[in-house]
Structures are given as structure tokens and as C-alpha cells.
């Protein structure tokens, strides 16, 4: 069986964890920018001031997500 993601973030190699975090930061920043653009097109009040604000928002979101994964109880392998 081929695994593409570790069962637990705690058992993942440090390089894999860092790579997932960096990709996640970029993904979250792009999501913030997309939501900001869509909200401005639709007349909602969500606004991101620029790329730096989007990156910081992505950093916060990804850090919380990784911390939740690290602190979550482990899954039992079936």
C-alpha cells in the first residue's frame, strides 16, 4: 500500500511537515485573496489589504490547523 500522507503529523518527517506547512501557507494566502476578490464583486464586507495581509492570514490559519492536527488524539490503524 502506498501512503501519500502520514497517519499522524507527529510521526511525519520534519521535512515533510515543513513542506506541508509552506504549501499550506501559500494555499491559504491565495484563498484569502480569492475570497476578498469575490466578496468585493458581490458587495460583501470582506476585504484583504494586500498580499502581506493574505500571507499573515494564511499563516494564522495554517498554524492553528497544524496545531490542531498535532494535538488531536491518534487514530487507530485498521
Protein backbone atom coordinates (compact mmCIF):
# COMPACT_ATOMS: atom_id res chain seq x y z
CA UNK A 1 0.00 0.00 0.00
CA UNK A 2 1.27 3.48 -0.88
CA UNK A 3 0.69 6.28 1.61
CA UNK A 4 0.76 9.89 0.46
CA UNK A 5 0.23 11.42 3.88
CA UNK A 6 1.45 10.28 7.30
CA UNK A 7 -1.11 8.80 9.68
CA UNK A 8 -0.21 11.40 12.26
CA UNK A 9 1.52 14.75 11.96
CA UNK A 10 3.59 13.69 14.99
CA UNK A 11 5.19 10.78 13.08
CA UNK A 12 5.86 12.68 9.86
CA UNK A 13 9.46 13.50 8.97
CA UNK A 14 10.34 17.15 9.72
CA UNK A 15 10.96 17.94 6.04
CA UNK A 16 7.52 16.63 5.07
CA UNK A 17 5.90 18.65 7.85
CA UNK A 18 7.72 21.81 6.74
CA UNK A 19 6.78 21.23 3.10
CA UNK A 20 3.12 20.72 4.01
CA UNK A 21 3.19 23.88 6.11
CA UNK A 22 4.73 26.02 3.35
CA UNK A 23 2.33 24.72 0.71
CA UNK A 24 -0.50 25.33 3.14
CA UNK A 25 0.60 28.93 3.77
CA UNK A 26 0.58 29.68 0.05
CA UNK A 27 -2.74 27.92 -0.43
CA UNK A 28 -4.36 29.81 2.44
CA UNK A 29 -2.98 33.16 1.23
CA UNK A 30 -4.43 32.53 -2.23
CA UNK A 31 -7.74 31.55 -0.66
CA UNK A 32 -7.80 34.81 1.35
CA UNK A 33 -7.14 36.82 -1.82
CA UNK A 34 -9.80 34.92 -3.76
CA UNK A 35 -12.41 35.37 -1.03
CA UNK A 36 -11.56 39.07 -0.81
CA UNK A 37 -11.95 39.50 -4.56
CA UNK A 38 -15.21 37.52 -4.69
CA UNK A 39 -16.62 39.46 -1.72
CA UNK A 40 -15.82 42.78 -3.39
CA UNK A 41 -17.55 41.60 -6.58
CA UNK A 42 -20.64 40.53 -4.65
CA UNK A 43 -20.77 43.58 -2.36
CA UNK A 44 -19.88 41.87 0.93
CA UNK A 45 -17.66 43.48 3.57
CA UNK A 46 -14.68 41.09 3.47
CA UNK A 47 -11.51 42.94 2.48
CA UNK A 48 -7.85 41.93 2.45
CA UNK A 49 -5.48 44.89 2.11
CA UNK A 50 -2.79 43.10 0.12
CA UNK A 51 -0.57 40.10 -0.33
CA UNK A 52 1.18 40.55 3.03
CA UNK A 53 -2.14 40.58 4.88
CA UNK A 54 -3.22 37.47 2.98
CA UNK A 55 0.04 35.70 3.85
CA UNK A 56 -0.33 36.63 7.52
CA UNK A 57 -3.93 35.40 7.49
CA UNK A 58 -2.78 32.17 5.87
CA UNK A 59 -0.03 31.83 8.45
CA UNK A 60 -2.52 32.12 11.30
CA UNK A 61 -5.00 29.69 9.73
CA UNK A 62 -2.35 27.09 8.86
CA UNK A 63 -0.64 27.34 12.25
CA UNK A 64 -3.93 26.71 14.03
CA UNK A 65 -4.72 23.80 11.68
CA UNK A 66 -1.30 22.18 12.20
CA UNK A 67 -1.54 22.66 15.97
CA UNK A 68 -4.97 21.03 15.97
CA UNK A 69 -3.60 18.09 13.98
CA UNK A 70 -0.63 17.73 16.31
CA UNK A 71 -2.78 17.84 19.44
CA UNK A 72 -5.59 15.62 18.16
CA UNK A 73 -5.80 12.12 19.60
CA UNK A 74 -4.20 9.50 17.37
CA UNK A 75 -6.24 7.33 15.03
CA UNK A 76 -6.10 3.60 15.36
CA UNK A 77 -4.87 1.87 12.20
CA UNK A 78 -7.41 -0.59 10.83
